[in-house]
Amino acid sequence: MSAASSEAILRTFKVGKRFGGFTALKDISAEFRRGAITSIIGPNGAGKSTYFNLLSGAFAPSSGRVEFEGKDVTGLAQHQFAHMGVAKSFQITNVFPQLSTHENVRVAAQALTSRFDIWRPRAAMTELADKADHLLERVGLADRRTRPAGSLAHGEQRALEIGMALASEPRLLLLDEPTAGMSPEETRTMMDLIVRLGQERTVILVEHKMKLVMGISDRLLVLHHGELLAEGSPDDIRRNETVKRVYLGQREH
């Protein structure tokens, strides 16, 4: 596991989210430590994805406040989060299937450095290609460099999307159910990748597979019915009787 410091990179203060008359989140106050892997877990319908969307700027909270590196970022547009150093990978894979694996990552890197610049120097393009190669190595896809992204296995596509997210060199990486739809072998590979990423940057992931994240997380937040049920180290959560009751009978995948 990564070594966590006590400094928080991201905080929420009594955030809530309503959709019409439905309250999806209620008064969640939490902090996410810099350099740590923090997992947000809970049964289906607990509010995990809604909270993730608040943390990434996809949703503005209906109440409360969000702070990133000590600055109030409540309600800022999603692209502003990206410029601040926040990157995310979605639950649904989002790659360009016709492009090669390498081209997907290179395009992601190029979009950050040369938007609308058609007179891109050749040396700079070489740098982008080298960066794409480095990122593919980081996510374990170097040997898939020339393969069309659409031909990759599901787990490999998820890894590719993470490589694309890393092109912005984020300080905070948000992962939405990174093992969704994966085989046990793909899941183990993804968990190993997350551990490696957590050694270099802050990682927050949403996951419903509680047993899987116990071994890699520095801290866990447990949501239930849109509220924060518990938070703490994996050992704290294992011993929490309320959490045990919520998960009693919940089938782990």
Protein backbone atom coordinates (compact mmCIF):
# COMPACT_ATOMS: atom_id res chain seq x y z
CA MET A 1 0.00 0.00 0.00
CA SER A 2 1.11 3.57 -0.54
CA ALA A 3 2.40 5.62 2.37
CA ALA A 4 -0.27 8.10 3.29
CA SER A 5 0.39 11.53 4.69
CA SER A 6 -2.07 13.32 6.91
CA GLU A 7 -2.47 16.20 4.46
CA ALA A 8 -5.77 16.19 2.59
CA ILE A 9 -5.75 16.87 -1.15
CA LEU A 10 -9.56 16.84 -1.42
CA ARG A 11 -12.30 17.56 1.12
CA THR A 12 -16.07 17.65 1.12
CA PHE A 13 -18.06 19.54 3.71
CA LYS A 14 -21.66 18.42 4.30
CA VAL A 15 -22.26 17.88 0.59
CA GLY A 16 -25.67 16.77 -0.56
CA LYS A 17 -27.26 16.06 -3.91
CA ARG A 18 -30.94 16.06 -4.79
CA PHE A 19 -32.57 15.07 -8.05
CA GLY A 20 -36.05 16.56 -7.90
CA GLY A 21 -37.63 15.14 -4.76
CA PHE A 22 -35.05 12.36 -4.40
CA THR A 23 -32.10 12.85 -2.04
CA ALA A 24 -29.16 10.89 -3.44
CA LEU A 25 -26.57 12.19 -0.95
CA LYS A 26 -26.97 13.78 2.44
CA ASP A 27 -24.43 15.82 4.42
CA ILE A 28 -21.23 13.91 3.59
CA SER A 29 -18.10 15.38 5.15
CA ALA A 30 -14.85 13.56 4.37
CA GLU A 31 -11.27 14.15 3.45
CA PHE A 32 -8.94 12.31 1.11
CA ARG A 33 -5.31 12.16 2.10
CA ARG A 34 -2.57 13.08 -0.33
CA GLY A 35 -0.56 10.08 -1.49
CA ALA A 36 -3.14 7.54 -0.33
CA ILE A 37 -5.44 5.06 -2.02
CA THR A 38 -8.96 5.69 -0.74
CA SER A 39 -11.86 3.47 -1.75
CA ILE A 40 -15.52 4.49 -1.64
CA ILE A 41 -17.61 1.38 -1.12
CA GLY A 42 -21.19 0.47 -0.37
CA PRO A 43 -24.09 -1.66 -1.57
CA ASN A 44 -25.88 -0.91 -4.83
CA GLY A 45 -27.83 2.33 -4.53
CA ALA A 46 -25.62 3.64 -1.74
CA GLY A 47 -24.76 6.86 -3.60
CA LYS A 48 -21.21 5.95 -4.60
CA SER A 49 -21.45 7.07 -8.23
CA THR A 50 -23.22 10.31 -7.29
CA TYR A 51 -20.48 11.11 -4.78
CA PHE A 52 -17.83 10.26 -7.37
CA ASN A 53 -19.47 12.68 -9.80
CA LEU A 54 -19.36 15.43 -7.17
CA LEU A 55 -15.67 14.76 -6.50
CA SER A 56 -14.82 14.91 -10.22
CA GLY A 57 -16.88 17.99 -11.03
CA ALA A 58 -19.44 16.17 -13.18
CA PHE A 59 -22.18 17.23 -10.74
CA ALA A 60 -22.41 20.37 -8.65
CA PRO A 61 -23.63 19.62 -5.12
CA SER A 62 -27.10 20.81 -4.12
CA SER A 63 -25.62 21.77 -0.76
CA GLY A 64 -22.24 21.84 0.93
CA ARG A 65 -18.73 22.58 -0.33
CA VAL A 66 -15.88 20.82 -2.15
CA GLU A 67 -12.23 21.84 -1.69
CA PHE A 68 -9.24 20.74 -3.77
CA GLU A 69 -5.79 21.56 -2.35
CA GLY A 70 -7.41 24.03 0.02
CA LYS A 71 -9.34 25.92 -2.66
CA ASP A 72 -13.12 26.04 -2.92
CA VAL A 73 -13.98 24.33 -6.22
CA THR A 74 -17.69 23.87 -5.60
CA GLY A 75 -19.64 24.09 -8.84
CA LEU A 76 -16.64 24.56 -11.15
CA ALA A 77 -16.99 23.07 -14.62
CA GLN A 78 -15.60 19.60 -15.19
CA HIS A 79 -12.87 20.77 -17.55
CA GLN A 80 -11.62 23.11 -14.82
CA PHE A 81 -11.10 20.12 -12.55
CA ALA A 82 -8.94 18.55 -15.26
CA HIS A 83 -6.81 21.69 -15.54
CA MET A 84 -6.30 21.66 -11.76
CA GLY A 85 -4.73 18.21 -11.87
CA VAL A 86 -7.72 15.89 -11.48
CA ALA A 87 -8.20 13.04 -13.98
CA LYS A 88 -10.78 10.30 -13.99
CA SER A 89 -11.57 7.00 -15.64
CA PHE A 90 -15.23 6.14 -16.13
CA GLN A 91 -17.10 2.94 -15.37
CA ILE A 92 -17.95 2.66 -19.08
CA THR A 93 -14.85 2.31 -21.26
CA ASN A 94 -14.23 5.41 -23.36
CA VAL A 95 -11.57 4.80 -26.03
CA PHE A 96 -11.30 5.29 -29.79
CA PRO A 97 -11.77 1.71 -31.04
CA GLN A 98 -10.45 2.23 -34.57
CA LEU A 99 -7.21 3.86 -33.43
CA SER A 100 -4.26 1.83 -32.22
CA THR A 101 -3.52 1.59 -28.52
CA HIS A 102 -0.56 3.92 -28.99
CA GLU A 103 -2.58 6.43 -31.02
CA ASN A 104 -5.24 6.59 -28.28
CA VAL A 105 -2.70 7.63 -25.66
CA ARG A 106 -0.84 9.97 -28.03
CA VAL A 107 -4.08 11.75 -28.95
CA ALA A 108 -4.90 12.15 -25.25
CA ALA A 109 -1.47 13.68 -24.63
CA GLN A 110 -1.66 15.87 -27.73
CA ALA A 111 -5.07 17.26 -26.75
CA LEU A 112 -3.50 18.66 -23.59
CA THR A 113 -0.53 20.33 -25.26
CA SER A 114 -1.39 21.31 -28.81
CA ARG A 115 -5.09 21.94 -29.18
CA PHE A 116 -5.80 23.66 -32.49
CA ASP A 117 -2.07 23.87 -33.31
CA ILE A 118 -1.73 22.43 -36.82
CA TRP A 119 1.87 23.65 -37.16
CA ARG A 120 3.16 21.24 -34.53
CA PRO A 121 6.97 20.88 -34.68
CA ARG A 122 8.16 17.39 -35.59
CA ALA A 123 10.33 17.21 -32.44
CA ALA A 124 7.32 17.94 -30.27
CA MET A 125 5.33 15.20 -32.00
CA THR A 126 8.20 12.79 -31.30
CA GLU A 127 8.03 13.79 -27.63
CA LEU A 128 4.30 12.97 -27.59
CA ALA A 129 4.96 9.58 -29.18
CA ASP A 130 7.66 8.85 -26.60
CA LYS A 131 5.29 9.91 -23.82
CA ALA A 132 2.62 7.57 -25.18
CA ASP A 133 5.11 4.70 -25.20
CA HIS A 134 6.06 5.46 -21.60
CA LEU A 135 2.43 5.52 -20.50
CA LEU A 136 1.68 2.24 -22.26
CA GLU A 137 4.62 0.72 -20.40
CA ARG A 138 3.21 2.08 -17.13
CA VAL A 139 -0.18 0.44 -17.62
CA GLY A 140 1.18 -2.83 -18.97
CA LEU A 141 0.18 -2.42 -22.60
CA ALA A 142 3.53 -1.87 -24.32
CA ASP A 143 3.18 -5.15 -26.21
CA ARG A 144 -0.24 -4.05 -27.49
CA ARG A 145 1.14 -0.84 -28.99
CA THR A 146 -0.07 -1.38 -32.56
CA ARG A 147 -3.29 -3.24 -31.79
CA PRO A 148 -6.58 -1.43 -32.53
CA ALA A 149 -8.09 -0.42 -29.19
CA GLY A 150 -11.36 -2.08 -30.15
CA SER A 151 -9.64 -5.46 -30.38
CA LEU A 152 -8.30 -5.36 -26.81
CA ALA A 153 -9.82 -7.44 -24.04
CA HIS A 154 -12.12 -5.58 -21.65
CA GLY A 155 -9.51 -5.34 -18.91
CA GLU A 156 -6.93 -4.07 -21.37
CA GLN A 157 -9.33 -1.37 -22.58
CA ARG A 158 -9.80 -0.22 -18.98
CA ALA A 159 -6.03 -0.08 -18.54
CA LEU A 160 -5.75 1.89 -21.79
CA GLU A 161 -8.29 4.40 -20.55
CA ILE A 162 -6.26 4.85 -17.38
CA GLY A 163 -3.17 5.42 -19.53
CA MET A 164 -5.08 8.13 -21.39
CA ALA A 165 -6.09 9.72 -18.08
CA LEU A 166 -2.45 9.70 -16.95
CA ALA A 167 -1.46 11.74 -20.02
CA SER A 168 -2.45 14.88 -18.12
CA GLU A 169 -0.01 13.94 -15.31
CA PRO A 170 -2.73 14.33 -12.66
CA ARG A 171 -2.04 14.72 -8.97
CA LEU A 172 -5.38 13.07 -8.24
CA LEU A 173 -6.72 10.08 -10.19
CA LEU A 174 -10.38 9.10 -9.82
CA LEU A 175 -11.46 5.60 -10.90
CA ASP A 176 -15.12 4.63 -11.20
CA GLU A 177 -15.57 0.88 -10.64
CA PRO A 178 -12.32 0.02 -12.45
CA THR A 179 -12.95 -3.74 -12.24
CA ALA A 180 -16.55 -3.70 -13.51
CA GLY A 181 -17.21 -6.59 -15.88
CA MET A 182 -13.75 -8.09 -15.46
CA SER A 183 -12.74 -11.70 -15.07
CA PRO A 184 -10.92 -12.67 -11.85
CA GLU A 185 -7.58 -12.60 -13.68
CA GLU A 186 -8.28 -9.17 -15.20
CA THR A 187 -9.38 -7.94 -11.79
CA ARG A 188 -6.11 -9.00 -10.17
CA THR A 189 -4.13 -7.29 -12.94
CA MET A 190 -6.12 -4.08 -12.48
CA MET A 191 -5.66 -4.12 -8.71
CA ASP A 192 -1.89 -4.51 -9.19
CA LEU A 193 -1.94 -1.52 -11.55
CA ILE A 194 -3.87 0.60 -9.03
CA VAL A 195 -1.33 -0.23 -6.31
CA ARG A 196 1.51 0.91 -8.61
CA LEU A 197 -0.33 4.13 -9.48
CA GLY A 198 -0.97 4.78 -5.80
CA GLN A 199 2.77 4.86 -5.16
CA GLU A 200 3.06 7.96 -7.35
CA ARG A 201 -0.17 9.93 -6.85
CA THR A 202 -3.38 10.14 -4.89
CA VAL A 203 -6.00 7.62 -6.03
CA ILE A 204 -9.70 7.56 -5.18
CA LEU A 205 -11.77 4.68 -6.46
CA VAL A 206 -15.43 3.77 -6.29
CA GLU A 207 -15.98 0.06 -5.94
CA HIS A 208 -18.68 -2.31 -4.74
CA LYS A 209 -16.36 -5.31 -4.35
CA MET A 210 -15.51 -4.72 -0.72
CA LYS A 211 -13.21 -7.72 -0.29
CA LEU A 212 -11.08 -6.71 -3.27
CA VAL A 213 -10.30 -3.18 -2.08
CA MET A 214 -9.54 -4.20 1.50
CA GLY A 215 -6.07 -5.35 0.50
CA ILE A 216 -4.99 -2.26 -1.44
CA SER A 217 -6.66 0.70 0.30
CA ASP A 218 -5.13 2.98 2.90
CA ARG A 219 -8.60 4.21 3.85
CA LEU A 220 -12.19 3.36 3.03
CA LEU A 221 -15.43 5.32 3.07
CA VAL A 222 -18.61 3.27 3.36
CA LEU A 223 -21.81 4.83 1.99
CA HIS A 224 -25.32 3.58 2.63
CA HIS A 225 -28.58 5.17 1.50
CA GLY A 226 -26.72 8.34 0.50
CA GLU A 227 -25.06 8.85 3.88
CA LEU A 228 -21.55 8.22 5.21
CA LEU A 229 -21.89 5.09 7.28
CA ALA A 230 -18.26 4.62 8.32
CA GLU A 231 -14.70 5.56 7.43
CA GLY A 232 -11.27 4.39 8.47
CA SER A 233 -8.52 1.91 7.75
CA PRO A 234 -9.34 -1.52 6.35
CA ASP A 235 -8.99 -2.96 9.86
CA ASP A 236 -11.38 -0.34 11.23
CA ILE A 237 -13.96 -1.22 8.59
CA ARG A 238 -13.55 -4.98 9.12
CA ARG A 239 -14.32 -4.53 12.82
CA ASN A 240 -17.25 -2.15 12.31
CA GLU A 241 -20.44 -3.95 13.37
CA THR A 242 -22.69 -1.54 11.47
CA VAL A 243 -20.81 -2.20 8.24
CA LYS A 244 -21.06 -5.94 8.83
CA ARG A 245 -24.83 -5.65 9.18
CA VAL A 246 -25.17 -3.62 5.96
CA TYR A 247 -23.12 -6.16 4.01
CA LEU A 248 -24.73 -9.19 5.61
CA GLY A 249 -26.18 -11.18 2.76
CA GLN A 250 -24.65 -8.87 0.13
CA ARG A 251 -23.10 -11.11 -2.48
CA GLU A 252 -19.46 -10.24 -3.17
CA HIS A 253 -18.33 -10.68 -6.78
